[in-house]
Amino acid sequence: MSLVDDPAETERLARSVDSTDGVYVVPAFTGLGAPHWDQRARGTIVGMTRGTRREHLVRATLEAIAYQTRDVTEAMEADAGIELDRLKVDGGAVKNNFLCRLQADVLGVDIVRPEVDETTALGSAYAAGLAVGYWDDLDELRANWRIDREFAPEMDPDEADAKYDRWGEAVERARGWAREEK
């Protein structure tokens, strides 16, 4: 079963509803990683009603990505003793403008998307180029980086915090689900 035929469709589906209608998705299909560290957690959907549609599930899944990003960035901020003022993003998911906007709202910082969003391959090419002397130094590589688009937070911070707190409740329901049967 699939909720969407094409990942690019997720933005349209998510925008077609005003909210998740109280639905939260915790995509802990192989447990929860940082900062929760619970290998027994399992994927969970909470808050469904008979009115829940696939659009709500898609939106809740995209929101989960933003909430997981906040989980990790808050842990990093606490460990490093710094405060994030913007986040540079990359990867296929950042093509989704709805997700980038949502991440800005959930994190309360600007999200900066580069022109080249698939940076794993680019990083490999840069490393090879540095190794053979094609580029002289890291400054030369940094000069190649270009912004495609920036997303500033628009959501009221109290609303974003309330939704994030509710996400934490959903995470608690997913924790420790897998147990050995006797």
N, C-alpha and C. Protein backbone atom coordinates (compact mmCIF):
# COMPACT_ATOMS: atom_id res chain seq x y z
N MET A 1 0.84 -1.18 0.00
CA MET A 1 0.00 0.00 0.00
C MET A 1 0.89 1.24 0.00
N SER A 2 0.46 2.23 -0.73
CA SER A 2 1.21 3.48 -0.81
C SER A 2 0.24 4.65 -0.67
N LEU A 3 0.66 5.66 0.09
CA LEU A 3 -0.17 6.85 0.23
C LEU A 3 -0.01 7.77 -0.96
N VAL A 4 1.16 7.73 -1.60
CA VAL A 4 1.43 8.59 -2.75
C VAL A 4 2.12 7.78 -3.83
N ASP A 5 1.84 8.14 -5.07
CA ASP A 5 2.48 7.47 -6.20
C ASP A 5 3.83 8.10 -6.52
N ASP A 6 3.95 9.39 -6.25
CA ASP A 6 5.16 10.13 -6.59
C ASP A 6 5.50 11.04 -5.41
N PRO A 7 6.72 10.94 -4.86
CA PRO A 7 7.07 11.79 -3.72
C PRO A 7 6.85 13.28 -3.96
N ALA A 8 6.95 13.72 -5.22
CA ALA A 8 6.72 15.14 -5.53
C ALA A 8 5.27 15.53 -5.24
N GLU A 9 4.38 14.55 -5.20
CA GLU A 9 2.96 14.80 -4.92
C GLU A 9 2.70 15.20 -3.47
N THR A 10 3.65 14.93 -2.58
CA THR A 10 3.42 15.17 -1.16
C THR A 10 3.16 16.64 -0.85
N GLU A 11 3.82 17.53 -1.55
CA GLU A 11 3.61 18.96 -1.29
C GLU A 11 2.17 19.36 -1.60
N ARG A 12 1.66 18.93 -2.73
CA ARG A 12 0.28 19.25 -3.10
C ARG A 12 -0.71 18.67 -2.10
N LEU A 13 -0.49 17.41 -1.72
CA LEU A 13 -1.40 16.78 -0.76
C LEU A 13 -1.37 17.48 0.59
N ALA A 14 -0.18 17.81 1.08
CA ALA A 14 -0.05 18.45 2.38
C ALA A 14 -0.71 19.83 2.39
N ARG A 15 -0.58 20.55 1.29
CA ARG A 15 -1.17 21.89 1.22
C ARG A 15 -2.69 21.85 1.04
N SER A 16 -3.23 20.71 0.65
CA SER A 16 -4.67 20.63 0.38
C SER A 16 -5.52 20.58 1.66
N VAL A 17 -4.87 20.43 2.81
CA VAL A 17 -5.57 20.47 4.10
C VAL A 17 -4.94 21.54 4.97
N ASP A 18 -5.73 22.10 5.89
CA ASP A 18 -5.23 23.19 6.73
C ASP A 18 -4.34 22.71 7.86
N SER A 19 -4.46 21.43 8.22
CA SER A 19 -3.70 20.88 9.34
C SER A 19 -3.68 19.36 9.20
N THR A 20 -3.07 18.72 10.17
CA THR A 20 -3.10 17.26 10.22
C THR A 20 -4.38 16.76 10.87
N ASP A 21 -5.20 17.68 11.36
CA ASP A 21 -6.42 17.36 12.09
C ASP A 21 -6.12 16.50 13.31
N GLY A 22 -5.00 16.80 13.96
CA GLY A 22 -4.63 16.10 15.19
C GLY A 22 -3.88 14.80 15.00
N VAL A 23 -3.54 14.47 13.76
CA VAL A 23 -2.81 13.23 13.48
C VAL A 23 -1.31 13.50 13.59
N TYR A 24 -0.61 12.58 14.25
CA TYR A 24 0.85 12.64 14.35
C TYR A 24 1.41 11.29 13.92
N VAL A 25 2.47 11.34 13.12
CA VAL A 25 3.17 10.15 12.67
C VAL A 25 4.55 10.14 13.32
N VAL A 26 4.90 9.00 13.91
CA VAL A 26 6.25 8.82 14.44
C VAL A 26 6.89 7.71 13.58
N PRO A 27 7.76 8.08 12.64
CA PRO A 27 8.32 7.09 11.72
C PRO A 27 9.49 6.31 12.32
N ALA A 28 9.21 5.59 13.39
CA ALA A 28 10.25 4.84 14.09
C ALA A 28 10.28 3.40 13.58
N PHE A 29 10.43 3.23 12.29
CA PHE A 29 10.32 1.90 11.68
C PHE A 29 11.46 0.98 12.06
N THR A 30 12.58 1.55 12.46
CA THR A 30 13.72 0.75 12.95
C THR A 30 14.14 1.26 14.33
N GLY A 31 13.19 1.79 15.06
CA GLY A 31 13.50 2.37 16.36
C GLY A 31 13.69 3.87 16.23
N LEU A 32 13.96 4.51 17.36
CA LEU A 32 14.22 5.95 17.37
C LEU A 32 15.71 6.20 17.57
N GLY A 33 16.24 7.06 16.74
CA GLY A 33 17.64 7.47 16.87
C GLY A 33 17.76 8.68 17.78
N ALA A 34 18.78 9.49 17.49
CA ALA A 34 19.06 10.66 18.31
C ALA A 34 17.85 11.60 18.33
N PRO A 35 17.57 12.20 19.44
CA PRO A 35 18.20 12.06 20.75
C PRO A 35 17.48 11.07 21.66
N HIS A 36 16.54 10.30 21.12
CA HIS A 36 15.70 9.41 21.95
C HIS A 36 16.35 8.06 22.25
N TRP A 37 17.07 7.53 21.30
CA TRP A 37 17.80 6.27 21.44
C TRP A 37 16.95 5.15 22.04
N ASP A 38 15.97 4.73 21.29
CA ASP A 38 15.09 3.64 21.73
C ASP A 38 14.92 2.67 20.56
N GLN A 39 15.69 1.58 20.60
CA GLN A 39 15.61 0.60 19.51
C GLN A 39 14.31 -0.18 19.52
N ARG A 40 13.57 -0.13 20.61
CA ARG A 40 12.29 -0.83 20.71
C ARG A 40 11.09 0.02 20.28
N ALA A 41 11.32 1.28 19.97
CA ALA A 41 10.25 2.13 19.46
C ALA A 41 9.84 1.63 18.08
N ARG A 42 8.58 1.86 17.74
CA ARG A 42 8.09 1.44 16.43
C ARG A 42 7.24 2.54 15.81
N GLY A 43 7.13 2.48 14.49
CA GLY A 43 6.34 3.46 13.76
C GLY A 43 4.92 3.51 14.31
N THR A 44 4.44 4.73 14.50
CA THR A 44 3.16 4.93 15.15
C THR A 44 2.39 6.06 14.48
N ILE A 45 1.09 5.88 14.37
CA ILE A 45 0.20 6.95 13.94
C ILE A 45 -0.82 7.13 15.05
N VAL A 46 -0.91 8.34 15.58
CA VAL A 46 -1.88 8.61 16.64
C VAL A 46 -2.79 9.75 16.21
N GLY A 47 -3.99 9.77 16.77
CA GLY A 47 -4.93 10.85 16.52
C GLY A 47 -5.85 10.65 15.34
N MET A 48 -5.86 9.46 14.75
CA MET A 48 -6.73 9.22 13.60
C MET A 48 -8.20 9.16 14.03
N THR A 49 -9.05 9.66 13.15
CA THR A 49 -10.50 9.55 13.33
C THR A 49 -11.08 9.03 12.03
N ARG A 50 -12.37 8.85 11.99
CA ARG A 50 -12.98 8.39 10.74
C ARG A 50 -12.90 9.46 9.65
N GLY A 51 -12.61 10.70 10.04
CA GLY A 51 -12.45 11.77 9.07
C GLY A 51 -11.03 11.93 8.54
N THR A 52 -10.12 11.12 9.04
CA THR A 52 -8.72 11.23 8.60
C THR A 52 -8.61 10.75 7.15
N ARG A 53 -7.97 11.58 6.34
CA ARG A 53 -7.75 11.25 4.94
C ARG A 53 -6.25 11.12 4.67
N ARG A 54 -5.91 10.63 3.53
CA ARG A 54 -4.49 10.45 3.20
C ARG A 54 -3.75 11.77 3.22
N GLU A 55 -4.44 12.86 2.89
CA GLU A 55 -3.81 14.18 2.93
C GLU A 55 -3.33 14.51 4.34
N HIS A 56 -4.12 14.15 5.35
CA HIS A 56 -3.71 14.38 6.74
C HIS A 56 -2.48 13.54 7.09
N LEU A 57 -2.47 12.29 6.63
CA LEU A 57 -1.33 11.40 6.91
C LEU A 57 -0.06 11.90 6.22
N VAL A 58 -0.19 12.35 4.99
CA VAL A 58 0.97 12.88 4.27
C VAL A 58 1.50 14.12 4.98
N ARG A 59 0.60 15.02 5.34
CA ARG A 59 1.03 16.24 6.05
C ARG A 59 1.67 15.89 7.38
N ALA A 60 1.09 14.94 8.11
CA ALA A 60 1.65 14.53 9.41
C ALA A 60 3.03 13.89 9.23
N THR A 61 3.23 13.19 8.15
CA THR A 61 4.54 12.59 7.88
C THR A 61 5.58 13.66 7.59
N LEU A 62 5.22 14.65 6.80
CA LEU A 62 6.14 15.76 6.54
C LEU A 62 6.43 16.52 7.83
N GLU A 63 5.40 16.74 8.65
CA GLU A 63 5.62 17.40 9.93
C GLU A 63 6.59 16.59 10.80
N ALA A 64 6.48 15.27 10.75
CA ALA A 64 7.37 14.42 11.54
C ALA A 64 8.83 14.65 11.17
N ILE A 65 9.11 14.87 9.88
CA ILE A 65 10.48 15.17 9.46
C ILE A 65 10.96 16.45 10.14
N ALA A 66 10.11 17.46 10.15
CA ALA A 66 10.49 18.73 10.78
C ALA A 66 10.66 18.56 12.29
N TYR A 67 9.80 17.79 12.93
CA TYR A 67 9.92 17.58 14.37
C TYR A 67 11.19 16.79 14.71
N GLN A 68 11.51 15.79 13.89
CA GLN A 68 12.74 15.04 14.12
C GLN A 68 13.96 15.94 13.95
N THR A 69 13.90 16.84 12.99
CA THR A 69 15.00 17.79 12.81
C THR A 69 15.14 18.66 14.04
N ARG A 70 14.01 19.10 14.60
CA ARG A 70 14.08 19.92 15.83
C ARG A 70 14.64 19.10 16.98
N ASP A 71 14.23 17.84 17.09
CA ASP A 71 14.79 16.97 18.14
C ASP A 71 16.32 16.99 18.10
N VAL A 72 16.86 16.77 16.91
CA VAL A 72 18.31 16.67 16.75
C VAL A 72 18.99 18.02 16.93
N THR A 73 18.42 19.08 16.35
CA THR A 73 19.07 20.38 16.47
C THR A 73 19.06 20.88 17.92
N GLU A 74 17.98 20.61 18.66
CA GLU A 74 17.98 21.02 20.07
C GLU A 74 19.03 20.26 20.87
N ALA A 75 19.20 18.98 20.57
CA ALA A 75 20.24 18.20 21.24
C ALA A 75 21.63 18.74 20.89
N MET A 76 21.83 19.07 19.63
CA MET A 76 23.11 19.62 19.20
C MET A 76 23.38 20.97 19.87
N GLU A 77 22.37 21.82 19.92
CA GLU A 77 22.53 23.12 20.57
C GLU A 77 22.90 22.95 22.04
N ALA A 78 22.23 22.02 22.71
CA ALA A 78 22.52 21.79 24.13
C ALA A 78 23.94 21.26 24.32
N ASP A 79 24.35 20.32 23.47
CA ASP A 79 25.69 19.74 23.59
C ASP A 79 26.79 20.75 23.24
N ALA A 80 26.54 21.57 22.22
CA ALA A 80 27.56 22.50 21.75
C ALA A 80 27.52 23.85 22.46
N GLY A 81 26.42 24.11 23.16
CA GLY A 81 26.30 25.39 23.84
C GLY A 81 26.14 26.57 22.90
N ILE A 82 25.52 26.31 21.75
CA ILE A 82 25.29 27.38 20.78
C ILE A 82 23.80 27.47 20.47
N GLU A 83 23.41 28.57 19.84
CA GLU A 83 22.03 28.73 19.41
C GLU A 83 21.99 28.85 17.90
N LEU A 84 21.19 28.03 17.28
CA LEU A 84 21.05 28.00 15.83
C LEU A 84 20.31 29.25 15.37
N ASP A 85 20.84 29.91 14.32
CA ASP A 85 20.12 31.06 13.78
C ASP A 85 19.63 30.80 12.35
N ARG A 86 20.18 29.78 11.70
CA ARG A 86 19.70 29.33 10.40
C ARG A 86 20.22 27.92 10.17
N LEU A 87 19.57 27.22 9.27
CA LEU A 87 19.95 25.84 8.98
C LEU A 87 20.03 25.67 7.48
N LYS A 88 21.20 25.21 7.02
CA LYS A 88 21.38 24.88 5.61
C LYS A 88 20.93 23.43 5.43
N VAL A 89 20.10 23.20 4.44
CA VAL A 89 19.52 21.87 4.23
C VAL A 89 19.92 21.34 2.86
N ASP A 90 19.86 20.02 2.71
CA ASP A 90 20.11 19.41 1.42
C ASP A 90 19.42 18.06 1.36
N GLY A 91 19.53 17.41 0.23
CA GLY A 91 18.88 16.12 0.03
C GLY A 91 17.60 16.27 -0.77
N GLY A 92 17.11 15.15 -1.25
CA GLY A 92 15.93 15.16 -2.11
C GLY A 92 14.69 15.79 -1.50
N ALA A 93 14.50 15.61 -0.19
CA ALA A 93 13.30 16.12 0.46
C ALA A 93 13.22 17.65 0.44
N VAL A 94 14.35 18.33 0.31
CA VAL A 94 14.32 19.79 0.38
C VAL A 94 13.77 20.42 -0.90
N LYS A 95 13.49 19.60 -1.90
CA LYS A 95 12.80 20.10 -3.08
C LYS A 95 11.37 20.49 -2.73
N ASN A 96 10.87 19.96 -1.62
CA ASN A 96 9.51 20.20 -1.17
C ASN A 96 9.45 21.53 -0.41
N ASN A 97 8.90 22.55 -1.05
CA ASN A 97 8.81 23.87 -0.44
C ASN A 97 7.97 23.86 0.84
N PHE A 98 6.93 23.05 0.86
CA PHE A 98 6.09 22.95 2.06
C PHE A 98 6.93 22.46 3.24
N LEU A 99 7.74 21.44 3.02
CA LEU A 99 8.59 20.91 4.09
C LEU A 99 9.60 21.96 4.56
N CYS A 100 10.22 22.67 3.64
CA CYS A 100 11.19 23.70 4.03
C CYS A 100 10.52 24.79 4.86
N ARG A 101 9.35 25.24 4.44
CA ARG A 101 8.60 26.25 5.19
C ARG A 101 8.26 25.72 6.57
N LEU A 102 7.81 24.49 6.63
CA LEU A 102 7.44 23.86 7.90
C LEU A 102 8.65 23.76 8.83
N GLN A 103 9.79 23.38 8.28
CA GLN A 103 10.99 23.30 9.11
C GLN A 103 11.37 24.66 9.67
N ALA A 104 11.22 25.70 8.88
CA ALA A 104 11.50 27.05 9.38
C ALA A 104 10.57 27.37 10.55
N ASP A 105 9.30 27.03 10.40
CA ASP A 105 8.32 27.31 11.47
C ASP A 105 8.61 26.50 12.72
N VAL A 106 8.87 25.21 12.56
CA VAL A 106 9.09 24.32 13.71
C VAL A 106 10.38 24.66 14.44
N LEU A 107 11.42 25.00 13.68
CA LEU A 107 12.71 25.33 14.29
C LEU A 107 12.79 26.79 14.74
N GLY A 108 11.97 27.63 14.14
CA GLY A 108 12.03 29.05 14.47
C GLY A 108 13.27 29.74 13.94
N VAL A 109 13.84 29.20 12.86
CA VAL A 109 15.03 29.79 12.23
C VAL A 109 14.86 29.74 10.71
N ASP A 110 15.68 30.51 10.03
CA ASP A 110 15.66 30.49 8.57
C ASP A 110 16.20 29.16 8.06
N ILE A 111 15.58 28.65 7.02
CA ILE A 111 16.04 27.45 6.33
C ILE A 111 16.63 27.92 5.01
N VAL A 112 17.85 27.47 4.70
CA VAL A 112 18.56 27.90 3.50
C VAL A 112 18.80 26.67 2.62
N ARG A 113 18.22 26.71 1.41
CA ARG A 113 18.35 25.60 0.47
C ARG A 113 19.34 25.99 -0.63
N PRO A 114 20.33 25.15 -0.90
CA PRO A 114 21.31 25.47 -1.94
C PRO A 114 20.78 25.15 -3.34
N GLU A 115 21.43 25.71 -4.34
CA GLU A 115 21.08 25.39 -5.73
C GLU A 115 21.28 23.90 -6.01
N VAL A 116 22.38 23.35 -5.51
CA VAL A 116 22.64 21.92 -5.67
C VAL A 116 22.19 21.25 -4.38
N ASP A 117 21.07 20.52 -4.46
CA ASP A 117 20.52 19.95 -3.22
C ASP A 117 20.97 18.52 -2.96
N GLU A 118 21.58 17.87 -3.90
CA GLU A 118 22.10 16.51 -3.70
C GLU A 118 23.60 16.62 -3.42
N THR A 119 23.94 16.94 -2.19
CA THR A 119 25.33 17.29 -1.87
C THR A 119 26.21 16.10 -1.53
N THR A 120 25.67 14.90 -1.38
CA THR A 120 26.53 13.75 -1.12
C THR A 120 27.45 13.50 -2.31
N ALA A 121 26.87 13.45 -3.49
CA ALA A 121 27.68 13.24 -4.70
C ALA A 121 28.61 14.43 -4.92
N LEU A 122 28.10 15.63 -4.68
CA LEU A 122 28.92 16.83 -4.85
C LEU A 122 30.11 16.81 -3.90
N GLY A 123 29.88 16.40 -2.67
CA GLY A 123 30.96 16.31 -1.68
C GLY A 123 32.02 15.32 -2.09
N SER A 124 31.60 14.20 -2.66
CA SER A 124 32.56 13.21 -3.15
C SER A 124 33.40 13.79 -4.29
N ALA A 125 32.74 14.51 -5.18
CA ALA A 125 33.46 15.12 -6.29
C ALA A 125 34.44 16.18 -5.77
N TYR A 126 34.00 16.96 -4.80
CA TYR A 126 34.89 17.97 -4.21
C TYR A 126 36.09 17.32 -3.54
N ALA A 127 35.86 16.25 -2.81
CA ALA A 127 36.97 15.56 -2.13
C ALA A 127 37.98 15.02 -3.15
N ALA A 128 37.46 14.43 -4.22
CA ALA A 128 38.34 13.92 -5.27
C ALA A 128 39.11 15.07 -5.92
N GLY A 129 38.41 16.17 -6.19
CA GLY A 129 39.06 17.32 -6.81
C GLY A 129 40.14 17.92 -5.94
N LEU A 130 39.89 17.96 -4.64
CA LEU A 130 40.92 18.45 -3.71
C LEU A 130 42.12 17.51 -3.70
N ALA A 131 41.84 16.21 -3.73
CA ALA A 131 42.91 15.21 -3.66
C ALA A 131 43.85 15.28 -4.86
N VAL A 132 43.31 15.60 -6.03
CA VAL A 132 44.15 15.63 -7.24
C VAL A 132 44.61 17.05 -7.58
N GLY A 133 44.27 18.02 -6.74
CA GLY A 133 44.74 19.38 -6.95
C GLY A 133 43.90 20.21 -7.89
N TYR A 134 42.71 19.73 -8.26
CA TYR A 134 41.83 20.52 -9.12
C TYR A 134 41.42 21.81 -8.42
N TRP A 135 41.13 21.70 -7.11
CA TRP A 135 40.86 22.87 -6.27
C TRP A 135 41.99 23.02 -5.27
N ASP A 136 42.31 24.24 -4.95
CA ASP A 136 43.42 24.51 -4.04
C ASP A 136 43.07 24.31 -2.57
N ASP A 137 41.87 24.74 -2.19
CA ASP A 137 41.52 24.67 -0.76
C ASP A 137 40.00 24.72 -0.56
N LEU A 138 39.59 24.59 0.69
CA LEU A 138 38.17 24.58 1.02
C LEU A 138 37.49 25.91 0.71
N ASP A 139 38.22 27.01 0.81
CA ASP A 139 37.64 28.32 0.50
C ASP A 139 37.16 28.38 -0.95
N GLU A 140 37.90 27.76 -1.82
CA GLU A 140 37.52 27.74 -3.23
C GLU A 140 36.21 26.97 -3.42
N LEU A 141 36.03 25.89 -2.65
CA LEU A 141 34.79 25.12 -2.72
C LEU A 141 33.62 25.90 -2.12
N ARG A 142 33.87 26.56 -1.01
CA ARG A 142 32.81 27.37 -0.38
C ARG A 142 32.30 28.45 -1.32
N ALA A 143 33.18 28.98 -2.14
CA ALA A 143 32.80 30.03 -3.09
C ALA A 143 31.83 29.50 -4.15
N ASN A 144 31.80 28.19 -4.36
CA ASN A 144 30.89 27.58 -5.34
C ASN A 144 29.46 27.45 -4.82
N TRP A 145 29.29 27.51 -3.51
CA TRP A 145 27.98 27.27 -2.90
C TRP A 145 27.05 28.46 -3.16
N ARG A 146 25.86 28.18 -3.65
CA ARG A 146 24.89 29.23 -3.99
C ARG A 146 23.53 28.90 -3.36
N ILE A 147 22.86 29.95 -2.90
CA ILE A 147 21.53 29.79 -2.32
C ILE A 147 20.49 29.73 -3.44
N ASP A 148 19.61 28.73 -3.34
CA ASP A 148 18.46 28.65 -4.24
C ASP A 148 17.31 29.45 -3.65
N ARG A 149 17.01 29.20 -2.35
CA ARG A 149 15.87 29.86 -1.71
C ARG A 149 16.04 29.82 -0.21
N GLU A 150 15.52 30.84 0.45
CA GLU A 150 15.50 30.88 1.92
C GLU A 150 14.05 30.91 2.38
N PHE A 151 13.80 30.26 3.52
CA PHE A 151 12.47 30.20 4.12
C PHE A 151 12.57 30.74 5.54
N ALA A 152 11.82 31.80 5.82
CA ALA A 152 11.80 32.39 7.16
C ALA A 152 10.58 31.86 7.92
N PRO A 153 10.69 31.73 9.24
CA PRO A 153 9.54 31.28 10.03
C PRO A 153 8.36 32.25 9.89
N GLU A 154 7.16 31.69 9.77
CA GLU A 154 5.95 32.49 9.71
C GLU A 154 4.96 32.15 10.81
N MET A 155 5.06 30.92 11.35
CA MET A 155 4.13 30.46 12.37
C MET A 155 4.42 31.12 13.71
N ASP A 156 3.38 31.39 14.47
CA ASP A 156 3.55 31.92 15.82
C ASP A 156 4.39 30.91 16.62
N PRO A 157 5.45 31.36 17.28
CA PRO A 157 6.32 30.44 18.02
C PRO A 157 5.58 29.62 19.08
N ASP A 158 4.58 30.20 19.74
CA ASP A 158 3.82 29.45 20.74
C ASP A 158 3.05 28.30 20.10
N GLU A 159 2.50 28.54 18.91
CA GLU A 159 1.79 27.49 18.18
C GLU A 159 2.76 26.39 17.76
N ALA A 160 3.92 26.78 17.27
CA ALA A 160 4.93 25.80 16.86
C ALA A 160 5.37 24.96 18.06
N ASP A 161 5.58 25.61 19.21
CA ASP A 161 5.98 24.88 20.41
C ASP A 161 4.89 23.91 20.88
N ALA A 162 3.64 24.33 20.80
CA ALA A 162 2.53 23.46 21.22
C ALA A 162 2.45 22.22 20.33
N LYS A 163 2.62 22.41 19.04
CA LYS A 163 2.59 21.26 18.13
C LYS A 163 3.78 20.33 18.38
N TYR A 164 4.94 20.92 18.63
CA TYR A 164 6.13 20.13 18.92
C TYR A 164 5.96 19.36 20.24
N ASP A 165 5.36 19.98 21.23
CA ASP A 165 5.11 19.29 22.50
C ASP A 165 4.17 18.11 22.28
N ARG A 166 3.17 18.28 21.43
CA ARG A 166 2.24 17.19 21.13
C ARG A 166 2.98 16.06 20.41
N TRP A 167 3.91 16.43 19.54
CA TRP A 167 4.78 15.44 18.87
C TRP A 167 5.51 14.61 19.93
N GLY A 168 6.01 15.27 20.96
CA GLY A 168 6.69 14.55 22.04
C GLY A 168 5.79 13.52 22.70
N GLU A 169 4.52 13.84 22.82
CA GLU A 169 3.57 12.87 23.38
C GLU A 169 3.41 11.67 22.44
N ALA A 170 3.37 11.93 21.16
CA ALA A 170 3.27 10.83 20.18
C ALA A 170 4.52 9.96 20.24
N VAL A 171 5.69 10.58 20.38
CA VAL A 171 6.95 9.83 20.49
C VAL A 171 6.89 8.92 21.72
N GLU A 172 6.39 9.42 22.82
CA GLU A 172 6.28 8.60 24.04
C GLU A 172 5.42 7.37 23.81
N ARG A 173 4.38 7.49 23.01
CA ARG A 173 3.51 6.34 22.72
C ARG A 173 4.22 5.30 21.84
N ALA A 174 5.17 5.75 21.03
CA ALA A 174 5.90 4.83 20.15
C ALA A 174 7.03 4.10 20.89
N ARG A 175 7.50 4.67 21.98
CA ARG A 175 8.66 4.13 22.68
C ARG A 175 8.36 2.76 23.30
N GLY A 176 9.37 1.90 23.25
CA GLY A 176 9.31 0.61 23.92
C GLY A 176 8.26 -0.34 23.40
N TRP A 177 7.73 -0.10 22.21
CA TRP A 177 6.63 -0.93 21.70
C TRP A 177 7.06 -2.37 21.44
N ALA A 178 8.22 -2.56 20.85
CA ALA A 178 8.70 -3.91 20.52
C ALA A 178 9.17 -4.61 21.78
N ARG A 179 8.58 -5.75 22.04
CA ARG A 179 8.98 -6.57 23.19
C ARG A 179 9.12 -8.01 22.73
N GLU A 180 9.94 -8.73 23.43
CA GLU A 180 10.04 -10.14 23.11
C GLU A 180 8.83 -10.86 23.64
N GLU A 181 8.19 -11.62 22.78
CA GLU A 181 7.01 -12.40 23.18
C GLU A 181 7.47 -13.67 23.87
N LYS A 182 6.73 -14.06 24.91
CA LYS A 182 7.09 -15.29 25.65
C LYS A 182 6.21 -16.43 25.25
